[in-house]
Amino acid sequence: MEKYEQLLISLRRIIRAIDIHSKQLSKFAGLTGPQLMVMHQISQLDGPLAKQVADEINLSPATVTNIIDRLESRGLVIRIRSQSDKRKVHLYLSEQGKKVHKDAPRALQEHFIKRYQALNEWEQSQLLSAVERIAYMMDAEDLDAAPVLVVGNIHNPDNQDNSNDSD
């Protein structure tokens, strides 16, 4: 077997592992990875604005707003307009949102991060360099991406009818 075939098989295994975890998250929590990330940031910050959440998770404000719309329609997020500046809308988890967030399975990347951080510094750098090179080789270095391991279209807020949409 050629080395490039071995590499492609490894990449496919990674994609499949992410897909399996994403489906489990959806099945057990009824959430997508990006939805869980948004909820997590809202819970960590004190009444953040959508732009603050977007900045924290490295997604566009439009994408985060779309995710928040969906979470709000499910009663998981509450928007409250600022009394001092009516242009600002602060985000909070509802009581139901707090429970769903608390009970949601841990994200796949938490397991990955623990293992990655256990590596020597040189190994971390080597892996980062290799994966960045792969992203470049696949013309993917400029794609909108968040530091979360999920599959689907997380950067197209206009594509709401796609059943594989992960926001």
N, C-alpha and C. Protein backbone atom coordinates (compact mmCIF):
# COMPACT_ATOMS: atom_id res chain seq x y z
N MET A 1 0.85 -1.18 0.00
CA MET A 1 0.00 0.00 0.00
C MET A 1 0.90 1.24 0.00
N GLU A 2 0.53 2.20 -0.82
CA GLU A 2 1.29 3.45 -0.91
C GLU A 2 1.10 4.27 0.37
N LYS A 3 2.10 5.10 0.69
CA LYS A 3 2.01 5.94 1.88
C LYS A 3 0.84 6.92 1.80
N TYR A 4 0.60 7.47 0.61
CA TYR A 4 -0.52 8.41 0.49
C TYR A 4 -1.84 7.70 0.77
N GLU A 5 -1.95 6.41 0.41
CA GLU A 5 -3.16 5.65 0.70
C GLU A 5 -3.32 5.46 2.21
N GLN A 6 -2.22 5.17 2.88
CA GLN A 6 -2.26 5.03 4.33
C GLN A 6 -2.69 6.34 5.00
N LEU A 7 -2.17 7.45 4.48
CA LEU A 7 -2.54 8.76 5.01
C LEU A 7 -4.03 9.03 4.79
N LEU A 8 -4.52 8.75 3.59
CA LEU A 8 -5.93 8.98 3.30
C LEU A 8 -6.83 8.09 4.17
N ILE A 9 -6.40 6.87 4.43
CA ILE A 9 -7.16 5.98 5.32
C ILE A 9 -7.21 6.57 6.72
N SER A 10 -6.09 7.08 7.21
CA SER A 10 -6.05 7.69 8.54
C SER A 10 -6.95 8.91 8.61
N LEU A 11 -6.93 9.74 7.56
CA LEU A 11 -7.80 10.91 7.52
C LEU A 11 -9.26 10.47 7.54
N ARG A 12 -9.58 9.45 6.77
CA ARG A 12 -10.96 8.94 6.73
C ARG A 12 -11.38 8.41 8.10
N ARG A 13 -10.49 7.75 8.80
CA ARG A 13 -10.80 7.24 10.15
C ARG A 13 -11.10 8.40 11.10
N ILE A 14 -10.34 9.48 10.98
CA ILE A 14 -10.58 10.66 11.82
C ILE A 14 -11.95 11.23 11.51
N ILE A 15 -12.27 11.37 10.23
CA ILE A 15 -13.57 11.90 9.83
C ILE A 15 -14.69 11.02 10.36
N ARG A 16 -14.51 9.70 10.25
CA ARG A 16 -15.55 8.77 10.74
C ARG A 16 -15.71 8.87 12.26
N ALA A 17 -14.60 9.00 12.99
CA ALA A 17 -14.68 9.12 14.46
C ALA A 17 -15.44 10.38 14.84
N ILE A 18 -15.17 11.47 14.14
CA ILE A 18 -15.88 12.72 14.41
C ILE A 18 -17.36 12.58 14.08
N ASP A 19 -17.66 11.93 12.96
CA ASP A 19 -19.05 11.72 12.55
C ASP A 19 -19.80 10.88 13.58
N ILE A 20 -19.20 9.80 14.04
CA ILE A 20 -19.84 8.94 15.03
C ILE A 20 -20.13 9.71 16.31
N HIS A 21 -19.15 10.50 16.77
CA HIS A 21 -19.35 11.27 17.99
C HIS A 21 -20.44 12.32 17.79
N SER A 22 -20.45 12.96 16.63
CA SER A 22 -21.47 13.98 16.35
C SER A 22 -22.87 13.36 16.39
N LYS A 23 -23.02 12.17 15.83
CA LYS A 23 -24.32 11.50 15.83
C LYS A 23 -24.73 11.11 17.25
N GLN A 24 -23.76 10.68 18.07
CA GLN A 24 -24.06 10.34 19.46
C GLN A 24 -24.50 11.59 20.23
N LEU A 25 -23.81 12.69 20.01
CA LEU A 25 -24.16 13.94 20.67
C LEU A 25 -25.58 14.34 20.30
N SER A 26 -25.91 14.25 19.03
CA SER A 26 -27.25 14.60 18.57
C SER A 26 -28.29 13.67 19.16
N LYS A 27 -27.99 12.38 19.21
CA LYS A 27 -28.93 11.38 19.72
C LYS A 27 -29.19 11.56 21.22
N PHE A 28 -28.13 11.75 22.01
CA PHE A 28 -28.28 11.79 23.45
C PHE A 28 -28.66 13.16 23.99
N ALA A 29 -28.20 14.22 23.35
CA ALA A 29 -28.48 15.56 23.86
C ALA A 29 -29.41 16.36 22.96
N GLY A 30 -29.64 15.87 21.74
CA GLY A 30 -30.46 16.63 20.82
C GLY A 30 -29.79 17.90 20.33
N LEU A 31 -28.48 17.94 20.46
CA LEU A 31 -27.70 19.12 20.08
C LEU A 31 -26.64 18.76 19.06
N THR A 32 -26.23 19.76 18.32
CA THR A 32 -25.06 19.59 17.46
C THR A 32 -23.85 20.11 18.23
N GLY A 33 -22.68 19.78 17.74
CA GLY A 33 -21.45 20.26 18.38
C GLY A 33 -21.40 21.78 18.49
N PRO A 34 -21.64 22.50 17.39
CA PRO A 34 -21.62 23.97 17.49
C PRO A 34 -22.67 24.52 18.45
N GLN A 35 -23.84 23.89 18.51
CA GLN A 35 -24.85 24.35 19.47
C GLN A 35 -24.35 24.18 20.90
N LEU A 36 -23.73 23.04 21.17
CA LEU A 36 -23.18 22.80 22.49
C LEU A 36 -22.06 23.79 22.80
N MET A 37 -21.23 24.10 21.82
CA MET A 37 -20.16 25.08 22.03
C MET A 37 -20.73 26.45 22.36
N VAL A 38 -21.76 26.87 21.65
CA VAL A 38 -22.38 28.17 21.92
C VAL A 38 -22.97 28.17 23.32
N MET A 39 -23.68 27.11 23.68
CA MET A 39 -24.26 27.03 25.02
C MET A 39 -23.17 27.07 26.08
N HIS A 40 -22.07 26.38 25.83
CA HIS A 40 -20.98 26.36 26.79
C HIS A 40 -20.40 27.77 26.98
N GLN A 41 -20.20 28.49 25.89
CA GLN A 41 -19.66 29.85 26.01
C GLN A 41 -20.64 30.77 26.72
N ILE A 42 -21.91 30.64 26.44
CA ILE A 42 -22.90 31.46 27.13
C ILE A 42 -22.86 31.18 28.63
N SER A 43 -22.69 29.90 28.99
CA SER A 43 -22.65 29.54 30.41
C SER A 43 -21.37 30.05 31.08
N GLN A 44 -20.30 30.18 30.33
CA GLN A 44 -19.01 30.61 30.89
C GLN A 44 -18.90 32.12 31.02
N LEU A 45 -19.57 32.85 30.14
CA LEU A 45 -19.48 34.31 30.12
C LEU A 45 -20.71 34.89 30.82
N ASP A 46 -20.62 36.10 31.30
CA ASP A 46 -21.71 36.72 32.03
C ASP A 46 -22.56 37.56 31.08
N GLY A 47 -23.63 36.98 30.54
CA GLY A 47 -24.52 37.69 29.64
C GLY A 47 -23.82 38.21 28.40
N PRO A 48 -23.14 37.31 27.68
CA PRO A 48 -22.38 37.78 26.52
C PRO A 48 -23.27 38.23 25.37
N LEU A 49 -22.69 38.99 24.47
CA LEU A 49 -23.32 39.33 23.21
C LEU A 49 -22.97 38.24 22.21
N ALA A 50 -23.75 38.11 21.15
CA ALA A 50 -23.48 37.07 20.13
C ALA A 50 -22.07 37.23 19.56
N LYS A 51 -21.63 38.46 19.35
CA LYS A 51 -20.30 38.69 18.78
C LYS A 51 -19.21 38.17 19.72
N GLN A 52 -19.39 38.34 21.03
CA GLN A 52 -18.41 37.83 21.99
C GLN A 52 -18.33 36.30 21.91
N VAL A 53 -19.48 35.66 21.81
CA VAL A 53 -19.51 34.20 21.70
C VAL A 53 -18.80 33.78 20.41
N ALA A 54 -19.11 34.47 19.31
CA ALA A 54 -18.50 34.16 18.01
C ALA A 54 -16.98 34.29 18.09
N ASP A 55 -16.51 35.35 18.73
CA ASP A 55 -15.06 35.56 18.86
C ASP A 55 -14.41 34.44 19.67
N GLU A 56 -15.08 33.99 20.72
CA GLU A 56 -14.53 32.95 21.60
C GLU A 56 -14.41 31.60 20.89
N ILE A 57 -15.37 31.28 20.01
CA ILE A 57 -15.35 29.96 19.38
C ILE A 57 -14.91 30.00 17.93
N ASN A 58 -14.47 31.16 17.48
CA ASN A 58 -13.89 31.31 16.14
C ASN A 58 -14.86 30.95 15.02
N LEU A 59 -16.09 31.42 15.15
CA LEU A 59 -17.08 31.31 14.09
C LEU A 59 -17.58 32.70 13.76
N SER A 60 -18.16 32.86 12.59
CA SER A 60 -18.66 34.18 12.20
C SER A 60 -19.86 34.56 13.07
N PRO A 61 -20.05 35.86 13.31
CA PRO A 61 -21.22 36.30 14.07
C PRO A 61 -22.53 35.84 13.42
N ALA A 62 -22.60 35.81 12.09
CA ALA A 62 -23.82 35.37 11.42
C ALA A 62 -24.12 33.90 11.74
N THR A 63 -23.10 33.07 11.74
CA THR A 63 -23.29 31.65 12.06
C THR A 63 -23.76 31.49 13.50
N VAL A 64 -23.13 32.22 14.41
CA VAL A 64 -23.49 32.12 15.83
C VAL A 64 -24.92 32.64 16.04
N THR A 65 -25.28 33.70 15.36
CA THR A 65 -26.65 34.22 15.48
C THR A 65 -27.66 33.17 15.01
N ASN A 66 -27.35 32.48 13.93
CA ASN A 66 -28.22 31.42 13.44
C ASN A 66 -28.35 30.30 14.47
N ILE A 67 -27.25 29.92 15.07
CA ILE A 67 -27.27 28.88 16.11
C ILE A 67 -28.11 29.35 17.30
N ILE A 68 -27.92 30.60 17.71
CA ILE A 68 -28.67 31.14 18.85
C ILE A 68 -30.17 31.17 18.53
N ASP A 69 -30.52 31.54 17.30
CA ASP A 69 -31.94 31.52 16.89
C ASP A 69 -32.54 30.13 17.11
N ARG A 70 -31.81 29.11 16.71
CA ARG A 70 -32.31 27.74 16.87
C ARG A 70 -32.41 27.35 18.34
N LEU A 71 -31.41 27.71 19.12
CA LEU A 71 -31.43 27.40 20.55
C LEU A 71 -32.56 28.15 21.26
N GLU A 72 -32.78 29.40 20.87
CA GLU A 72 -33.86 30.18 21.46
C GLU A 72 -35.23 29.57 21.11
N SER A 73 -35.38 29.13 19.87
CA SER A 73 -36.66 28.54 19.46
C SER A 73 -36.96 27.25 20.22
N ARG A 74 -35.92 26.61 20.72
CA ARG A 74 -36.09 25.38 21.53
C ARG A 74 -36.20 25.69 23.02
N GLY A 75 -36.13 26.97 23.37
CA GLY A 75 -36.27 27.36 24.77
C GLY A 75 -35.01 27.13 25.59
N LEU A 76 -33.86 27.03 24.95
CA LEU A 76 -32.61 26.76 25.67
C LEU A 76 -31.81 28.03 25.95
N VAL A 77 -32.04 29.06 25.17
CA VAL A 77 -31.33 30.33 25.32
C VAL A 77 -32.35 31.45 25.41
N ILE A 78 -32.01 32.44 26.24
CA ILE A 78 -32.86 33.62 26.41
C ILE A 78 -32.05 34.84 25.98
N ARG A 79 -32.70 35.70 25.19
CA ARG A 79 -32.09 36.99 24.81
C ARG A 79 -32.73 38.08 25.67
N ILE A 80 -31.89 38.92 26.26
CA ILE A 80 -32.39 40.03 27.07
C ILE A 80 -31.71 41.31 26.59
N ARG A 81 -32.54 42.27 26.16
CA ARG A 81 -32.03 43.55 25.68
C ARG A 81 -31.48 44.35 26.85
N SER A 82 -30.33 44.96 26.66
CA SER A 82 -29.69 45.78 27.69
C SER A 82 -30.56 46.98 28.02
N GLN A 83 -30.67 47.28 29.30
CA GLN A 83 -31.43 48.46 29.73
C GLN A 83 -30.65 49.75 29.47
N SER A 84 -29.32 49.66 29.53
CA SER A 84 -28.49 50.86 29.36
C SER A 84 -28.19 51.17 27.89
N ASP A 85 -28.17 50.12 27.04
CA ASP A 85 -27.89 50.32 25.62
C ASP A 85 -28.79 49.37 24.84
N LYS A 86 -29.88 49.90 24.34
CA LYS A 86 -30.91 49.08 23.68
C LYS A 86 -30.39 48.34 22.45
N ARG A 87 -29.23 48.72 21.92
CA ARG A 87 -28.66 48.02 20.76
C ARG A 87 -28.06 46.68 21.15
N LYS A 88 -27.74 46.50 22.42
CA LYS A 88 -27.10 45.28 22.89
C LYS A 88 -28.11 44.27 23.41
N VAL A 89 -27.91 43.02 23.00
CA VAL A 89 -28.78 41.93 23.46
C VAL A 89 -27.88 40.88 24.12
N HIS A 90 -28.11 40.67 25.39
CA HIS A 90 -27.31 39.72 26.16
C HIS A 90 -27.93 38.33 26.12
N LEU A 91 -27.09 37.32 26.21
CA LEU A 91 -27.52 35.93 26.09
C LEU A 91 -27.37 35.20 27.42
N TYR A 92 -28.36 34.37 27.73
CA TYR A 92 -28.34 33.56 28.95
C TYR A 92 -28.94 32.21 28.62
N LEU A 93 -28.52 31.20 29.37
CA LEU A 93 -29.17 29.90 29.25
C LEU A 93 -30.44 29.93 30.10
N SER A 94 -31.51 29.37 29.56
CA SER A 94 -32.74 29.20 30.33
C SER A 94 -32.49 28.08 31.35
N GLU A 95 -33.44 27.86 32.23
CA GLU A 95 -33.30 26.75 33.19
C GLU A 95 -33.19 25.43 32.43
N GLN A 96 -34.01 25.27 31.40
CA GLN A 96 -33.94 24.06 30.58
C GLN A 96 -32.58 23.98 29.88
N GLY A 97 -32.09 25.11 29.39
CA GLY A 97 -30.78 25.16 28.74
C GLY A 97 -29.67 24.77 29.68
N LYS A 98 -29.75 25.22 30.92
CA LYS A 98 -28.73 24.86 31.92
C LYS A 98 -28.73 23.36 32.16
N LYS A 99 -29.92 22.77 32.23
CA LYS A 99 -30.00 21.32 32.46
C LYS A 99 -29.46 20.55 31.26
N VAL A 100 -29.86 20.94 30.07
CA VAL A 100 -29.38 20.26 28.86
C VAL A 100 -27.86 20.38 28.76
N HIS A 101 -27.35 21.57 29.04
CA HIS A 101 -25.89 21.78 28.97
C HIS A 101 -25.17 20.91 30.00
N LYS A 102 -25.71 20.86 31.20
CA LYS A 102 -25.08 20.07 32.28
C LYS A 102 -25.08 18.58 31.95
N ASP A 103 -26.17 18.10 31.34
CA ASP A 103 -26.33 16.67 31.05
C ASP A 103 -25.72 16.22 29.73
N ALA A 104 -25.30 17.18 28.90
CA ALA A 104 -24.78 16.84 27.57
C ALA A 104 -23.46 16.07 27.69
N PRO A 105 -23.23 15.14 26.78
CA PRO A 105 -21.96 14.42 26.81
C PRO A 105 -20.80 15.37 26.54
N ARG A 106 -19.66 15.03 27.06
CA ARG A 106 -18.45 15.83 26.85
C ARG A 106 -18.05 15.77 25.39
N ALA A 107 -17.51 16.86 24.94
CA ALA A 107 -17.10 16.96 23.54
C ALA A 107 -15.89 16.06 23.27
N LEU A 108 -15.84 15.55 22.05
CA LEU A 108 -14.75 14.68 21.63
C LEU A 108 -13.40 15.36 21.78
N GLN A 109 -13.35 16.67 21.53
CA GLN A 109 -12.07 17.34 21.59
C GLN A 109 -11.48 17.38 22.99
N GLU A 110 -12.31 17.26 24.04
CA GLU A 110 -11.77 17.24 25.40
C GLU A 110 -10.85 16.03 25.58
N HIS A 111 -11.26 14.88 25.08
CA HIS A 111 -10.45 13.67 25.15
C HIS A 111 -9.17 13.87 24.32
N PHE A 112 -9.35 14.43 23.13
CA PHE A 112 -8.21 14.69 22.24
C PHE A 112 -7.22 15.65 22.91
N ILE A 113 -7.72 16.72 23.50
CA ILE A 113 -6.86 17.73 24.11
C ILE A 113 -6.03 17.12 25.24
N LYS A 114 -6.65 16.29 26.06
CA LYS A 114 -5.90 15.65 27.16
C LYS A 114 -4.74 14.83 26.61
N ARG A 115 -5.00 14.05 25.59
CA ARG A 115 -3.94 13.23 25.00
C ARG A 115 -2.88 14.08 24.31
N TYR A 116 -3.33 15.11 23.61
CA TYR A 116 -2.40 16.00 22.90
C TYR A 116 -1.49 16.71 23.89
N GLN A 117 -2.05 17.21 24.97
CA GLN A 117 -1.25 17.94 25.96
C GLN A 117 -0.30 17.03 26.73
N ALA A 118 -0.59 15.74 26.72
CA ALA A 118 0.30 14.78 27.38
C ALA A 118 1.57 14.51 26.56
N LEU A 119 1.55 14.90 25.28
CA LEU A 119 2.72 14.71 24.42
C LEU A 119 3.82 15.70 24.77
N ASN A 120 5.03 15.36 24.40
CA ASN A 120 6.13 16.30 24.54
C ASN A 120 5.88 17.51 23.65
N GLU A 121 6.48 18.63 24.00
CA GLU A 121 6.31 19.87 23.22
C GLU A 121 6.69 19.67 21.76
N TRP A 122 7.78 18.95 21.50
CA TRP A 122 8.22 18.75 20.12
C TRP A 122 7.22 17.90 19.34
N GLU A 123 6.58 16.94 20.03
CA GLU A 123 5.58 16.11 19.35
C GLU A 123 4.33 16.95 19.01
N GLN A 124 3.94 17.82 19.93
CA GLN A 124 2.80 18.70 19.67
C GLN A 124 3.08 19.58 18.46
N SER A 125 4.26 20.16 18.41
CA SER A 125 4.64 21.03 17.29
C SER A 125 4.68 20.25 15.98
N GLN A 126 5.22 19.05 16.03
CA GLN A 126 5.31 18.22 14.83
C GLN A 126 3.92 17.87 14.29
N LEU A 127 3.02 17.49 15.18
CA LEU A 127 1.64 17.17 14.76
C LEU A 127 0.94 18.40 14.18
N LEU A 128 1.08 19.52 14.87
CA LEU A 128 0.46 20.75 14.39
C LEU A 128 0.96 21.10 13.00
N SER A 129 2.25 21.04 12.82
CA SER A 129 2.84 21.36 11.52
C SER A 129 2.34 20.43 10.42
N ALA A 130 2.29 19.14 10.72
CA ALA A 130 1.86 18.16 9.73
C ALA A 130 0.39 18.37 9.34
N VAL A 131 -0.46 18.63 10.31
CA VAL A 131 -1.88 18.80 10.02
C VAL A 131 -2.13 20.13 9.30
N GLU A 132 -1.38 21.16 9.67
CA GLU A 132 -1.50 22.43 8.94
C GLU A 132 -1.08 22.24 7.48
N ARG A 133 -0.06 21.46 7.25
CA ARG A 133 0.39 21.18 5.89
C ARG A 133 -0.69 20.42 5.12
N ILE A 134 -1.34 19.45 5.77
CA ILE A 134 -2.43 18.71 5.13
C ILE A 134 -3.57 19.66 4.77
N ALA A 135 -3.93 20.56 5.68
CA ALA A 135 -4.99 21.53 5.40
C ALA A 135 -4.61 22.37 4.18
N TYR A 136 -3.36 22.77 4.09
CA TYR A 136 -2.89 23.54 2.94
C TYR A 136 -2.99 22.71 1.66
N MET A 137 -2.58 21.45 1.73
CA MET A 137 -2.59 20.58 0.55
C MET A 137 -4.02 20.32 0.05
N MET A 138 -4.98 20.45 0.96
CA MET A 138 -6.38 20.23 0.59
C MET A 138 -7.10 21.56 0.33
N ASP A 139 -6.34 22.64 0.21
CA ASP A 139 -6.90 23.98 -0.02
C ASP A 139 -7.93 24.34 1.05
N ALA A 140 -7.65 23.95 2.29
CA ALA A 140 -8.60 24.16 3.37
C ALA A 140 -8.09 25.13 4.43
N GLU A 141 -6.94 25.74 4.21
CA GLU A 141 -6.34 26.57 5.26
C GLU A 141 -7.13 27.84 5.55
N ASP A 142 -7.97 28.29 4.63
CA ASP A 142 -8.73 29.53 4.86
C ASP A 142 -10.21 29.29 5.16
N LEU A 143 -10.61 28.04 5.34
CA LEU A 143 -12.02 27.75 5.64
C LEU A 143 -12.36 28.17 7.07
N ASP A 144 -13.59 28.64 7.27
CA ASP A 144 -14.10 29.00 8.59
C ASP A 144 -14.19 27.71 9.41
N ALA A 145 -13.53 27.68 10.54
CA ALA A 145 -13.56 26.48 11.38
C ALA A 145 -13.42 26.87 12.84
N ALA A 146 -14.12 26.12 13.66
CA ALA A 146 -14.04 26.32 15.10
C ALA A 146 -13.22 25.20 15.72
N PRO A 147 -12.69 25.43 16.91
CA PRO A 147 -11.91 24.38 17.57
C PRO A 147 -12.80 23.32 18.20
N VAL A 148 -13.61 22.69 17.38
CA VAL A 148 -14.52 21.65 17.85
C VAL A 148 -14.53 20.53 16.83
N LEU A 149 -14.59 19.32 17.29
CA LEU A 149 -14.57 18.17 16.40
C LEU A 149 -15.98 17.71 16.10
N VAL A 150 -16.57 18.31 15.04
CA VAL A 150 -17.88 17.91 14.55
C VAL A 150 -17.82 17.90 13.04
N VAL A 151 -18.80 17.25 12.44
CA VAL A 151 -18.87 17.24 10.98
C VAL A 151 -20.07 18.07 10.56
N GLY A 152 -20.11 18.42 9.31
CA GLY A 152 -21.23 19.15 8.77
C GLY A 152 -20.84 20.55 8.35
N ASN A 153 -21.82 21.29 7.90
CA ASN A 153 -21.62 22.62 7.37
C ASN A 153 -21.84 23.63 8.47
N ILE A 154 -20.79 24.05 9.17
CA ILE A 154 -20.95 24.97 10.28
C ILE A 154 -20.75 26.41 9.89
N HIS A 155 -20.46 26.69 8.63
CA HIS A 155 -20.21 28.08 8.26
C HIS A 155 -21.20 28.65 7.26
N ASN A 156 -22.31 27.98 7.02
CA ASN A 156 -23.29 28.48 6.08
C ASN A 156 -24.64 28.65 6.78
N PRO A 157 -24.88 29.82 7.38
CA PRO A 157 -26.11 30.01 8.14
C PRO A 157 -27.37 30.03 7.28
N ASP A 158 -27.23 30.19 5.96
CA ASP A 158 -28.39 30.21 5.08
C ASP A 158 -28.91 28.83 4.75
N ASN A 159 -28.15 27.78 5.04
CA ASN A 159 -28.50 26.42 4.66
C ASN A 159 -29.21 25.72 5.82
N GLN A 160 -30.44 26.14 6.13
CA GLN A 160 -31.14 25.61 7.29
C GLN A 160 -31.89 24.32 7.02
N ASP A 161 -32.12 23.98 5.78
CA ASP A 161 -32.89 22.78 5.47
C ASP A 161 -32.04 21.55 5.32
N ASN A 162 -30.75 21.67 5.41
CA ASN A 162 -29.83 20.55 5.25
C ASN A 162 -29.83 19.70 6.52
N SER A 163 -30.26 18.47 6.43
CA SER A 163 -30.34 17.60 7.61
C SER A 163 -28.98 17.29 8.18
N ASN A 164 -27.91 17.47 7.42
CA ASN A 164 -26.56 17.23 7.90
C ASN A 164 -25.94 18.51 8.43
N ASP A 165 -26.73 19.58 8.50
CA ASP A 165 -26.23 20.86 8.99
C ASP A 165 -25.93 20.72 10.47
N SER A 166 -24.78 21.17 10.90
CA SER A 166 -24.38 20.93 12.28
C SER A 166 -24.54 22.15 13.17
N ASP A 167 -25.26 23.14 12.76
CA ASP A 167 -25.50 24.24 13.66
C ASP A 167 -26.95 24.25 14.01
